[in-house]
Amino acid sequence: MEVRGPGLVSGASPVQGAKPVQVPRAVESKPALEMPRDEIELSSAGQVSGQTTEATDASLRSERLARIKAEIDAGTYDSDAKLEAAMMKMFNENGIDLEG
């Protein structure tokens, strides 16, 4: 008995090369897809809250700046404690351990 698989295979047949796919004209003329854009709308309460926060931040900055200017004028802004704190921060950021 001779088994040849599920179907008969007859002699060799020629293999055809790949043909380029033709794109229909309708597809070529479609505009590119646009990505949706995120949008946000703030309620009037949210807008007022944001304005209040900005005003508070500006007020705090101006108060701090005035205090620093007064300390500089009085000659009390620079201190050994501030210098040491700045140096320790610099050492820590650069991985320098003074304890070990």
N, C-alpha and C. Protein backbone atom coordinates (compact mmCIF):
# COMPACT_ATOMS: atom_id res chain seq x y z
N MET A 1 0.84 -1.17 0.00
CA MET A 1 0.00 0.00 0.00
C MET A 1 0.89 1.24 0.00
N GLU A 2 0.50 2.26 -0.74
CA GLU A 2 1.28 3.48 -0.84
C GLU A 2 0.40 4.66 -0.38
N VAL A 3 0.90 5.44 0.62
CA VAL A 3 0.15 6.58 1.15
C VAL A 3 0.82 7.85 0.65
N ARG A 4 0.01 8.77 0.09
CA ARG A 4 0.56 9.99 -0.47
C ARG A 4 0.04 11.26 0.23
N GLY A 5 -0.62 11.18 1.30
CA GLY A 5 -1.13 12.36 2.00
C GLY A 5 -2.59 12.61 1.69
N PRO A 6 -3.10 13.79 2.08
CA PRO A 6 -4.53 14.05 1.93
C PRO A 6 -4.97 14.24 0.48
N GLY A 7 -4.11 14.62 -0.36
CA GLY A 7 -4.52 14.83 -1.75
C GLY A 7 -3.42 14.39 -2.68
N LEU A 8 -3.76 14.28 -3.89
CA LEU A 8 -2.76 13.89 -4.88
C LEU A 8 -1.95 15.10 -5.32
N VAL A 9 -0.68 14.91 -5.47
CA VAL A 9 0.18 15.96 -5.97
C VAL A 9 0.61 15.54 -7.35
N SER A 10 0.18 16.32 -8.31
CA SER A 10 0.58 15.97 -9.67
C SER A 10 1.92 16.63 -9.95
N GLY A 11 2.38 16.60 -11.10
CA GLY A 11 3.68 17.11 -11.48
C GLY A 11 3.92 18.56 -11.06
N ALA A 12 5.09 19.06 -11.30
CA ALA A 12 5.48 20.41 -10.92
C ALA A 12 4.69 21.44 -11.71
N SER A 13 4.37 22.56 -11.06
CA SER A 13 3.67 23.64 -11.75
C SER A 13 4.50 24.92 -11.56
N PRO A 14 4.42 25.86 -12.49
CA PRO A 14 5.24 27.07 -12.38
C PRO A 14 4.75 27.97 -11.22
N VAL A 15 5.70 28.66 -10.60
CA VAL A 15 5.39 29.59 -9.52
C VAL A 15 5.39 30.99 -10.11
N GLN A 16 4.32 31.76 -9.82
CA GLN A 16 4.24 33.13 -10.34
C GLN A 16 4.83 34.09 -9.30
N GLY A 17 5.49 35.13 -9.78
CA GLY A 17 6.07 36.13 -8.90
C GLY A 17 4.98 36.99 -8.24
N ALA A 18 5.38 37.73 -7.21
CA ALA A 18 4.44 38.61 -6.51
C ALA A 18 4.06 39.78 -7.40
N LYS A 19 2.80 40.16 -7.33
CA LYS A 19 2.32 41.29 -8.12
C LYS A 19 2.07 42.46 -7.18
N PRO A 20 2.38 43.68 -7.60
CA PRO A 20 2.13 44.84 -6.74
C PRO A 20 0.62 45.03 -6.51
N VAL A 21 0.27 45.45 -5.33
CA VAL A 21 -1.13 45.68 -4.99
C VAL A 21 -1.53 47.04 -5.52
N GLN A 22 -2.65 47.09 -6.16
CA GLN A 22 -3.14 48.36 -6.69
C GLN A 22 -4.11 48.95 -5.68
N VAL A 23 -3.80 50.19 -5.22
CA VAL A 23 -4.65 50.87 -4.25
C VAL A 23 -5.73 51.62 -5.00
N PRO A 24 -6.98 51.42 -4.60
CA PRO A 24 -8.06 52.16 -5.28
C PRO A 24 -7.88 53.67 -5.11
N ARG A 25 -8.30 54.43 -6.08
CA ARG A 25 -8.13 55.89 -6.05
C ARG A 25 -8.88 56.53 -4.88
N ALA A 26 -9.98 55.99 -4.47
CA ALA A 26 -10.76 56.57 -3.37
C ALA A 26 -9.96 56.56 -2.08
N VAL A 27 -9.17 55.54 -1.86
CA VAL A 27 -8.36 55.44 -0.64
C VAL A 27 -7.23 56.46 -0.68
N GLU A 28 -6.64 56.68 -1.82
CA GLU A 28 -5.53 57.61 -1.94
C GLU A 28 -5.94 59.05 -1.65
N SER A 29 -7.18 59.41 -1.96
CA SER A 29 -7.59 60.80 -1.82
C SER A 29 -8.16 61.13 -0.44
N LYS A 30 -8.27 60.17 0.46
CA LYS A 30 -8.80 60.45 1.80
C LYS A 30 -7.79 61.27 2.59
N PRO A 31 -8.26 62.26 3.36
CA PRO A 31 -7.32 63.04 4.19
C PRO A 31 -6.81 62.18 5.34
N ALA A 32 -5.65 62.56 5.85
CA ALA A 32 -5.06 61.82 6.97
C ALA A 32 -5.94 61.98 8.20
N LEU A 33 -5.92 60.96 9.03
CA LEU A 33 -6.70 61.02 10.27
C LEU A 33 -6.09 62.03 11.22
N GLU A 34 -6.94 62.78 11.89
CA GLU A 34 -6.47 63.75 12.86
C GLU A 34 -6.63 63.18 14.26
N MET A 35 -5.64 63.42 15.09
CA MET A 35 -5.71 62.96 16.47
C MET A 35 -6.65 63.89 17.24
N PRO A 36 -7.50 63.31 18.06
CA PRO A 36 -8.38 64.17 18.87
C PRO A 36 -7.56 64.98 19.86
N ARG A 37 -8.01 66.17 20.16
CA ARG A 37 -7.30 67.04 21.09
C ARG A 37 -8.05 67.08 22.40
N ASP A 38 -7.32 67.03 23.50
CA ASP A 38 -7.93 67.14 24.82
C ASP A 38 -8.32 68.58 25.07
N GLU A 39 -9.44 68.75 25.72
CA GLU A 39 -9.89 70.08 26.07
C GLU A 39 -10.35 70.07 27.52
N ILE A 40 -10.26 71.21 28.15
CA ILE A 40 -10.71 71.33 29.53
C ILE A 40 -11.48 72.63 29.67
N GLU A 41 -12.54 72.57 30.43
CA GLU A 41 -13.32 73.77 30.71
C GLU A 41 -13.43 73.91 32.21
N LEU A 42 -13.10 75.10 32.71
CA LEU A 42 -13.19 75.35 34.14
C LEU A 42 -14.49 76.09 34.43
N SER A 43 -15.14 75.67 35.49
CA SER A 43 -16.33 76.39 35.92
C SER A 43 -15.92 77.76 36.44
N SER A 44 -16.89 78.62 36.63
CA SER A 44 -16.57 79.96 37.13
C SER A 44 -15.97 79.87 38.53
N ALA A 45 -16.42 78.90 39.33
CA ALA A 45 -15.84 78.72 40.67
C ALA A 45 -14.38 78.30 40.57
N GLY A 46 -14.07 77.43 39.62
CA GLY A 46 -12.69 77.01 39.42
C GLY A 46 -11.81 78.14 38.94
N GLN A 47 -12.35 79.00 38.09
CA GLN A 47 -11.59 80.14 37.61
C GLN A 47 -11.29 81.11 38.75
N VAL A 48 -12.28 81.36 39.60
CA VAL A 48 -12.09 82.26 40.74
C VAL A 48 -11.06 81.67 41.69
N SER A 49 -11.14 80.35 41.91
CA SER A 49 -10.19 79.68 42.80
C SER A 49 -8.77 79.82 42.26
N GLY A 50 -8.61 79.64 40.95
CA GLY A 50 -7.28 79.77 40.35
C GLY A 50 -6.74 81.18 40.47
N GLN A 51 -7.61 82.17 40.29
CA GLN A 51 -7.17 83.56 40.41
C GLN A 51 -6.78 83.87 41.84
N THR A 52 -7.53 83.33 42.80
CA THR A 52 -7.22 83.55 44.22
C THR A 52 -5.87 82.94 44.56
N THR A 53 -5.62 81.72 44.07
CA THR A 53 -4.36 81.04 44.34
C THR A 53 -3.19 81.82 43.74
N GLU A 54 -3.36 82.29 42.51
CA GLU A 54 -2.30 83.06 41.86
C GLU A 54 -2.02 84.35 42.63
N ALA A 55 -3.07 85.02 43.09
CA ALA A 55 -2.90 86.26 43.85
C ALA A 55 -2.19 85.99 45.18
N THR A 56 -2.56 84.89 45.83
CA THR A 56 -1.93 84.52 47.10
C THR A 56 -0.46 84.20 46.89
N ASP A 57 -0.15 83.42 45.83
CA ASP A 57 1.24 83.09 45.53
C ASP A 57 2.06 84.35 45.24
N ALA A 58 1.50 85.26 44.47
CA ALA A 58 2.21 86.50 44.14
C ALA A 58 2.44 87.32 45.41
N SER A 59 1.45 87.35 46.28
CA SER A 59 1.58 88.11 47.53
C SER A 59 2.67 87.51 48.41
N LEU A 60 2.69 86.17 48.51
CA LEU A 60 3.71 85.50 49.33
C LEU A 60 5.11 85.74 48.76
N ARG A 61 5.23 85.68 47.43
CA ARG A 61 6.54 85.92 46.80
C ARG A 61 7.02 87.34 47.08
N SER A 62 6.12 88.31 46.95
CA SER A 62 6.55 89.70 47.17
C SER A 62 6.91 89.94 48.63
N GLU A 63 6.18 89.30 49.57
CA GLU A 63 6.53 89.43 50.98
C GLU A 63 7.89 88.81 51.28
N ARG A 64 8.14 87.63 50.71
CA ARG A 64 9.43 86.95 50.93
C ARG A 64 10.57 87.77 50.34
N LEU A 65 10.36 88.31 49.14
CA LEU A 65 11.38 89.13 48.50
C LEU A 65 11.69 90.38 49.33
N ALA A 66 10.65 91.02 49.86
CA ALA A 66 10.86 92.20 50.70
C ALA A 66 11.64 91.84 51.96
N ARG A 67 11.32 90.68 52.56
CA ARG A 67 12.03 90.24 53.77
C ARG A 67 13.50 89.97 53.46
N ILE A 68 13.76 89.30 52.34
CA ILE A 68 15.15 89.00 51.97
C ILE A 68 15.93 90.28 51.70
N LYS A 69 15.31 91.22 50.98
CA LYS A 69 15.99 92.50 50.71
C LYS A 69 16.32 93.22 52.01
N ALA A 70 15.38 93.19 52.96
CA ALA A 70 15.62 93.87 54.25
C ALA A 70 16.77 93.19 54.99
N GLU A 71 16.83 91.86 54.96
CA GLU A 71 17.92 91.14 55.63
C GLU A 71 19.26 91.45 54.97
N ILE A 72 19.29 91.53 53.65
CA ILE A 72 20.53 91.85 52.94
C ILE A 72 20.99 93.26 53.33
N ASP A 73 20.05 94.22 53.33
CA ASP A 73 20.39 95.60 53.70
C ASP A 73 20.91 95.69 55.14
N ALA A 74 20.34 94.86 56.03
CA ALA A 74 20.76 94.89 57.44
C ALA A 74 22.03 94.09 57.67
N GLY A 75 22.46 93.31 56.65
CA GLY A 75 23.67 92.50 56.79
C GLY A 75 23.45 91.22 57.55
N THR A 76 22.18 90.80 57.71
CA THR A 76 21.87 89.57 58.46
C THR A 76 21.44 88.42 57.57
N TYR A 77 21.42 88.62 56.25
CA TYR A 77 20.94 87.56 55.36
C TYR A 77 21.90 86.37 55.34
N ASP A 78 23.19 86.63 55.17
CA ASP A 78 24.19 85.56 55.17
C ASP A 78 24.51 85.19 56.60
N SER A 79 24.40 83.89 56.89
CA SER A 79 24.74 83.42 58.24
C SER A 79 25.48 82.10 58.11
N ASP A 80 26.16 81.70 59.16
CA ASP A 80 26.88 80.42 59.14
C ASP A 80 25.91 79.26 58.98
N ALA A 81 24.74 79.36 59.59
CA ALA A 81 23.75 78.28 59.49
C ALA A 81 23.27 78.10 58.05
N LYS A 82 23.02 79.21 57.35
CA LYS A 82 22.58 79.14 55.96
C LYS A 82 23.69 78.59 55.07
N LEU A 83 24.92 78.99 55.32
CA LEU A 83 26.06 78.50 54.54
C LEU A 83 26.23 77.00 54.75
N GLU A 84 26.15 76.55 56.01
CA GLU A 84 26.29 75.13 56.30
C GLU A 84 25.16 74.33 55.66
N ALA A 85 23.93 74.83 55.71
CA ALA A 85 22.79 74.13 55.09
C ALA A 85 22.99 74.01 53.59
N ALA A 86 23.48 75.08 52.95
CA ALA A 86 23.71 75.04 51.51
C ALA A 86 24.81 74.05 51.15
N MET A 87 25.87 74.02 51.95
CA MET A 87 26.97 73.09 51.69
C MET A 87 26.53 71.65 51.88
N MET A 88 25.74 71.38 52.93
CA MET A 88 25.26 70.01 53.17
C MET A 88 24.36 69.55 52.03
N LYS A 89 23.52 70.44 51.54
CA LYS A 89 22.65 70.10 50.41
C LYS A 89 23.49 69.77 49.18
N MET A 90 24.52 70.58 48.92
CA MET A 90 25.39 70.34 47.78
C MET A 90 26.11 68.99 47.92
N PHE A 91 26.63 68.70 49.12
CA PHE A 91 27.32 67.43 49.34
C PHE A 91 26.38 66.26 49.13
N ASN A 92 25.18 66.34 49.68
CA ASN A 92 24.20 65.25 49.55
C ASN A 92 23.80 65.02 48.11
N GLU A 93 23.61 66.10 47.35
CA GLU A 93 23.22 65.97 45.93
C GLU A 93 24.34 65.35 45.10
N ASN A 94 25.58 65.49 45.54
CA ASN A 94 26.71 64.94 44.80
C ASN A 94 27.25 63.65 45.39
N GLY A 95 26.51 63.08 46.35
CA GLY A 95 26.88 61.78 46.92
C GLY A 95 28.08 61.82 47.82
N ILE A 96 28.38 62.94 48.42
CA ILE A 96 29.53 63.06 49.34
C ILE A 96 29.02 62.86 50.75
N ASP A 97 29.55 61.84 51.40
CA ASP A 97 29.13 61.52 52.77
C ASP A 97 30.21 62.00 53.74
N LEU A 98 29.89 62.97 54.57
CA LEU A 98 30.86 63.52 55.51
C LEU A 98 30.93 62.70 56.79
N GLU A 99 29.97 61.84 57.03
CA GLU A 99 29.91 61.07 58.26
C GLU A 99 30.81 59.83 58.20
N GLY A 100 31.03 59.28 57.04
CA GLY A 100 31.73 58.00 56.95
C GLY A 100 32.97 58.10 56.26
